[in-house]
Amino acid sequence: MTTGTLPIPVPRESLASRIRNRYATGVLNTLRGLGDRTFFAADMMRALGEPRTYGPELFKQMKAVGVDSIPLVILVSAFIGSVISFQSRYQLFPGIQLSVVGLITRQSLVLELGPLLTGLVLAGRVGAQMTAEIGTMRVTEQIDALETLAYDPLAYLVVPRVIAGLLMLPVLVIFANAVGIGAAYVTAILGTDIKWFDFRDGLRLEFNTFQVFYSLIKSFMFGGAISFLCSYEGYVTSAGAEGVGKSTAKAVVITSVWILVLDALTAAALAKYLQ
């Protein structure tokens, strides 16, 4: 006859407890990530005092962010301008002046689609490139080699990319707005019954310079978000080639979300001054 001890039942974790723990973990991870990025930003600001380190790299990064992105910006903005022109014309009710197409095109591109789509497209092109470059240097220990040679990695890798993003995104957005409006004009004249003077009158209607300034504010913030967040994700990459891929995907997603958040916040704060 054998004797034994009965197993002690382990109480299952309740559903409410699991939800609470998962929520708490998510909040802690968010706060930890915010703190890490804050310290990273503070170190980057300190690295601004080393212009001899980041100066030679600045023009190279400005070319990579700005000049090399022009073909993609032309393609995207031209198609968007043409689509807006077509859709605006054929959605009008009978009796509405055709000049409103020019107004709709200008407002849509300058205030919203120009900076937003340019930022999202460059988050995928420029942001992914930044993350992959810095991440590869991290996993191959090139960043450690820079520290060994008494180079500040932040001043050499991060600062020129952030400055280039802040300077070149507004330039690209101005270019995108001009190309988009030009493509909309050509499409309206050649593809619809709108006359050139109708489109011109719509472009001029209720225009003020703050609309351009509003577009530049958005592009400046988007450029900073792309360059800073993607550089950070590349800088903290680990786990070899797989880590570089994960960091690149994560950087593009996070940057795209922040671009949408900044776009909404800017609209909520400044849209009332556009009238």
Protein backbone atom coordinates (compact mmCIF):
# COMPACT_ATOMS: atom_id res chain seq x y z
CA MET A 1 0.00 0.00 0.00
CA THR A 2 1.53 3.29 -1.08
CA THR A 3 1.05 6.63 0.47
CA GLY A 4 1.71 10.02 -1.00
CA THR A 5 0.96 13.64 -0.61
CA LEU A 6 -1.76 15.27 -2.58
CA PRO A 7 -0.62 18.06 -4.94
CA ILE A 8 -1.31 21.49 -3.65
CA PRO A 9 -3.59 23.31 -6.12
CA VAL A 10 -2.09 26.48 -7.52
CA PRO A 11 -4.69 29.21 -7.90
CA ARG A 12 -5.04 30.46 -11.43
CA GLU A 13 -4.40 34.10 -12.10
CA SER A 14 -7.66 35.88 -12.68
CA LEU A 15 -8.39 37.58 -15.98
CA ALA A 16 -8.58 40.99 -14.31
CA SER A 17 -5.17 40.42 -12.71
CA ARG A 18 -3.61 39.42 -16.02
CA ILE A 19 -5.03 42.49 -17.76
CA ARG A 20 -3.82 44.69 -14.93
CA ASN A 21 -0.31 43.21 -15.03
CA ARG A 22 -0.10 43.54 -18.79
CA TYR A 23 -1.27 47.14 -18.62
CA ALA A 24 1.26 47.93 -15.91
CA THR A 25 4.03 46.30 -17.94
CA GLY A 26 3.08 48.32 -21.01
CA VAL A 27 3.09 51.57 -19.03
CA LEU A 28 6.49 50.79 -17.50
CA ASN A 29 7.97 49.91 -20.88
CA THR A 30 6.61 53.14 -22.36
CA LEU A 31 8.07 55.22 -19.54
CA ARG A 32 11.38 53.37 -19.81
CA GLY A 33 11.54 54.02 -23.55
CA LEU A 34 10.70 57.69 -23.02
CA GLY A 35 13.44 57.99 -20.43
CA ASP A 36 16.01 56.27 -22.65
CA ARG A 37 15.20 58.60 -25.54
CA THR A 38 15.36 61.63 -23.25
CA PHE A 39 18.87 60.71 -22.10
CA PHE A 40 19.81 60.03 -25.72
CA ALA A 41 18.56 63.50 -26.70
CA ALA A 42 20.55 65.07 -23.83
CA ASP A 43 23.73 63.30 -24.99
CA MET A 44 23.03 64.43 -28.55
CA MET A 45 22.68 68.05 -27.42
CA ARG A 46 26.04 67.76 -25.67
CA ALA A 47 27.56 66.40 -28.90
CA LEU A 48 26.50 69.61 -30.71
CA GLY A 49 29.58 71.20 -29.15
CA GLU A 50 31.86 69.18 -31.45
CA PRO A 51 31.38 70.76 -34.90
CA ARG A 52 34.72 69.43 -36.12
CA THR A 53 33.39 65.90 -35.75
CA TYR A 54 29.96 66.26 -37.37
CA GLY A 55 30.76 69.11 -39.79
CA PRO A 56 32.37 66.99 -42.54
CA GLU A 57 29.49 64.48 -42.39
CA LEU A 58 26.73 67.10 -42.48
CA PHE A 59 26.80 67.83 -46.21
CA LYS A 60 26.94 64.13 -47.01
CA GLN A 61 23.80 63.54 -44.94
CA MET A 62 22.05 66.57 -46.44
CA LYS A 63 22.61 65.05 -49.87
CA ALA A 64 21.34 61.65 -48.71
CA VAL A 65 18.23 63.12 -47.09
CA GLY A 66 17.45 65.88 -49.56
CA VAL A 67 18.97 65.55 -53.03
CA ASP A 68 18.64 61.78 -53.26
CA SER A 69 14.96 61.98 -52.24
CA ILE A 70 13.92 64.43 -54.97
CA PRO A 71 12.86 61.81 -57.57
CA LEU A 72 10.61 60.05 -55.06
CA VAL A 73 9.12 63.35 -53.88
CA ILE A 74 8.41 64.38 -57.48
CA LEU A 75 6.68 61.09 -58.22
CA VAL A 76 4.48 61.11 -55.12
CA SER A 77 3.52 64.79 -55.17
CA ALA A 78 2.77 64.80 -58.92
CA PHE A 79 0.37 61.87 -58.65
CA ILE A 80 -1.29 63.30 -55.54
CA GLY A 81 -1.78 66.69 -57.19
CA SER A 82 -3.29 65.11 -60.30
CA VAL A 83 -5.68 62.94 -58.28
CA ILE A 84 -6.83 65.89 -56.17
CA SER A 85 -7.50 67.93 -59.31
CA PHE A 86 -9.54 65.18 -60.96
CA GLN A 87 -11.50 64.27 -57.84
CA SER A 88 -12.26 67.89 -56.97
CA ARG A 89 -13.59 68.69 -60.44
CA TYR A 90 -15.89 65.70 -60.77
CA GLN A 91 -17.25 65.93 -57.24
CA LEU A 92 -18.54 69.48 -57.73
CA PHE A 93 -22.26 70.12 -57.84
CA PRO A 94 -23.66 71.91 -60.89
CA GLY A 95 -23.49 75.67 -60.55
CA ILE A 96 -20.37 75.81 -58.34
CA GLN A 97 -17.58 77.93 -59.74
CA LEU A 98 -14.76 75.90 -61.23
CA SER A 99 -12.17 78.11 -59.54
CA VAL A 100 -12.85 76.23 -56.31
CA VAL A 101 -10.73 73.37 -57.71
CA GLY A 102 -7.64 75.55 -57.45
CA LEU A 103 -8.55 76.47 -53.88
CA ILE A 104 -9.12 72.84 -52.86
CA THR A 105 -5.84 71.79 -54.46
CA ARG A 106 -3.84 74.50 -52.70
CA GLN A 107 -5.38 73.89 -49.30
CA SER A 108 -5.11 70.11 -49.53
CA LEU A 109 -1.47 70.08 -50.61
CA VAL A 110 -0.01 72.98 -48.66
CA LEU A 111 -1.81 72.43 -45.39
CA GLU A 112 -1.99 68.65 -45.18
CA LEU A 113 -1.00 66.22 -47.91
CA GLY A 114 2.26 67.89 -48.94
CA PRO A 115 4.04 67.73 -45.58
CA LEU A 116 2.27 64.59 -44.33
CA LEU A 117 2.86 62.34 -47.34
CA THR A 118 6.40 63.63 -47.79
CA GLY A 119 7.12 62.83 -44.15
CA LEU A 120 5.61 59.34 -44.34
CA VAL A 121 7.39 58.49 -47.58
CA LEU A 122 10.74 59.69 -46.26
CA ALA A 123 10.21 57.79 -43.02
CA GLY A 124 10.29 54.65 -45.14
CA ARG A 125 13.16 55.68 -47.37
CA VAL A 126 15.45 57.94 -45.31
CA GLY A 127 14.49 56.65 -41.87
CA ALA A 128 15.03 53.00 -42.76
CA GLN A 129 18.40 53.87 -44.30
CA MET A 130 19.53 55.73 -41.18
CA THR A 131 18.51 52.89 -38.89
CA ALA A 132 20.14 50.22 -41.03
CA GLU A 133 23.40 52.14 -41.37
CA ILE A 134 23.82 52.91 -37.68
CA GLY A 135 22.49 49.51 -36.62
CA THR A 136 24.99 47.71 -38.85
CA MET A 137 27.80 49.77 -37.36
CA ARG A 138 26.59 48.82 -33.89
CA VAL A 139 26.43 45.05 -34.46
CA THR A 140 29.79 45.02 -36.29
CA GLU A 141 31.41 46.97 -33.40
CA GLN A 142 32.33 49.95 -35.56
CA ILE A 143 30.78 52.27 -32.99
CA ASP A 144 33.01 50.75 -30.33
CA ALA A 145 35.96 51.38 -32.63
CA LEU A 146 34.99 55.05 -32.91
CA GLU A 147 35.03 55.34 -29.13
CA THR A 148 38.44 53.66 -29.05
CA LEU A 149 39.72 56.30 -31.49
CA ALA A 150 38.38 59.09 -29.21
CA TYR A 151 35.49 59.95 -31.57
CA ASP A 152 32.11 60.72 -30.07
CA PRO A 153 29.72 58.32 -31.92
CA LEU A 154 26.76 60.63 -31.35
CA ALA A 155 28.58 63.60 -32.84
CA TYR A 156 29.78 61.56 -35.79
CA LEU A 157 26.65 59.51 -36.55
CA VAL A 158 23.55 61.07 -35.00
CA VAL A 159 24.03 64.85 -34.98
CA PRO A 160 24.66 65.27 -38.74
CA ARG A 161 21.63 63.12 -39.55
CA VAL A 162 19.34 65.07 -37.22
CA ILE A 163 20.53 68.45 -38.52
CA ALA A 164 20.14 67.24 -42.11
CA GLY A 165 16.60 66.08 -41.39
CA LEU A 166 15.66 69.39 -39.79
CA LEU A 167 17.08 71.41 -42.69
CA MET A 168 16.12 69.32 -45.71
CA LEU A 169 12.55 68.24 -44.91
CA PRO A 170 11.17 71.80 -45.19
CA VAL A 171 12.98 72.23 -48.51
CA LEU A 172 11.55 68.96 -49.81
CA VAL A 173 8.05 69.90 -48.67
CA ILE A 174 8.22 73.24 -50.49
CA PHE A 175 9.35 71.34 -53.57
CA ALA A 176 6.57 68.78 -53.14
CA ASN A 177 3.92 71.51 -52.78
CA ALA A 178 5.13 73.26 -55.94
CA VAL A 179 5.27 70.06 -57.98
CA GLY A 180 1.86 68.92 -56.71
CA ILE A 181 0.18 72.22 -57.58
CA GLY A 182 1.90 72.25 -60.98
CA ALA A 183 0.72 68.71 -61.73
CA ALA A 184 -2.80 69.59 -60.60
CA TYR A 185 -2.78 72.63 -62.88
CA VAL A 186 -1.69 70.65 -65.93
CA THR A 187 -4.21 67.90 -65.19
CA ALA A 188 -7.06 70.37 -64.73
CA ILE A 189 -6.29 72.21 -67.97
CA LEU A 190 -5.63 69.20 -70.16
CA GLY A 191 -7.93 66.61 -68.58
CA THR A 192 -11.01 68.60 -67.57
CA ASP A 193 -13.05 71.59 -68.71
CA ILE A 194 -11.37 73.99 -66.25
CA LYS A 195 -9.74 77.06 -67.80
CA TRP A 196 -6.30 78.23 -66.73
CA PHE A 197 -7.63 81.50 -65.30
CA ASP A 198 -10.24 79.62 -63.20
CA PHE A 199 -7.52 77.51 -61.61
CA ARG A 200 -5.34 80.58 -61.09
CA ASP A 201 -8.14 82.49 -59.39
CA GLY A 202 -8.76 79.57 -57.05
CA LEU A 203 -5.09 79.41 -56.09
CA ARG A 204 -5.11 83.09 -55.16
CA LEU A 205 -8.39 82.98 -53.24
CA GLU A 206 -7.96 83.75 -49.51
CA PHE A 207 -4.24 83.00 -49.61
CA ASN A 208 -2.01 84.17 -46.77
CA THR A 209 1.63 83.52 -45.97
CA PHE A 210 0.85 81.76 -42.69
CA GLN A 211 -0.41 78.80 -44.71
CA VAL A 212 3.11 78.28 -46.04
CA PHE A 213 4.57 78.82 -42.57
CA TYR A 214 2.13 76.23 -41.20
CA SER A 215 3.35 73.71 -43.77
CA LEU A 216 6.99 74.44 -42.87
CA ILE A 217 6.30 73.98 -39.15
CA LYS A 218 4.95 70.51 -39.84
CA SER A 219 7.84 69.57 -42.10
CA PHE A 220 10.40 70.80 -39.55
CA MET A 221 8.89 68.61 -36.84
CA PHE A 222 8.58 65.62 -39.17
CA GLY A 223 12.23 65.95 -40.18
CA GLY A 224 13.31 66.01 -36.54
CA ALA A 225 11.13 63.01 -35.67
CA ILE A 226 12.42 60.91 -38.60
CA SER A 227 16.10 61.59 -38.02
CA PHE A 228 16.07 61.40 -34.22
CA LEU A 229 13.87 58.34 -33.73
CA CYS A 230 15.46 56.31 -36.53
CA SER A 231 18.98 57.19 -35.37
CA TYR A 232 18.09 56.11 -31.85
CA GLU A 233 16.71 52.75 -32.95
CA GLY A 234 19.83 52.12 -34.98
CA TYR A 235 22.11 53.15 -32.12
CA VAL A 236 20.56 50.68 -29.65
CA THR A 237 20.43 47.77 -32.12
CA SER A 238 21.58 44.38 -30.86
CA ALA A 239 21.44 40.66 -31.81
CA GLY A 240 23.24 40.78 -35.13
CA ALA A 241 21.65 40.95 -38.57
CA GLU A 242 18.23 39.94 -37.24
CA GLY A 243 18.39 42.82 -34.78
CA VAL A 244 19.12 45.28 -37.59
CA GLY A 245 16.01 44.12 -39.44
CA LYS A 246 13.83 44.37 -36.36
CA SER A 247 15.20 47.81 -35.46
CA THR A 248 14.59 49.09 -38.99
CA ALA A 249 10.97 47.88 -39.04
CA LYS A 250 10.37 49.23 -35.55
CA ALA A 251 11.87 52.61 -36.44
CA VAL A 252 9.65 53.04 -39.51
CA VAL A 253 6.50 52.13 -37.56
CA ILE A 254 7.29 54.36 -34.57
CA THR A 255 8.28 57.28 -36.79
CA SER A 256 5.14 56.98 -38.92
CA VAL A 257 2.95 56.97 -35.81
CA TRP A 258 4.72 60.01 -34.39
CA ILE A 259 4.34 61.87 -37.68
CA LEU A 260 0.57 61.31 -37.52
CA VAL A 261 0.49 62.38 -33.85
CA LEU A 262 2.49 65.55 -34.54
CA ASP A 263 0.26 66.31 -37.53
CA ALA A 264 -2.86 66.07 -35.37
CA LEU A 265 -1.35 68.16 -32.56
CA THR A 266 -0.23 70.86 -34.97
CA ALA A 267 -3.67 71.03 -36.55
CA ALA A 268 -5.34 71.24 -33.14
CA ALA A 269 -3.02 74.05 -32.02
CA LEU A 270 -2.68 76.17 -35.16
CA ALA A 271 -5.58 75.44 -37.51
CA LYS A 272 -7.64 78.28 -36.06
CA TYR A 273 -5.01 80.78 -37.23
CA LEU A 274 -5.33 79.73 -40.86
CA GLN A 275 -8.54 81.66 -41.49
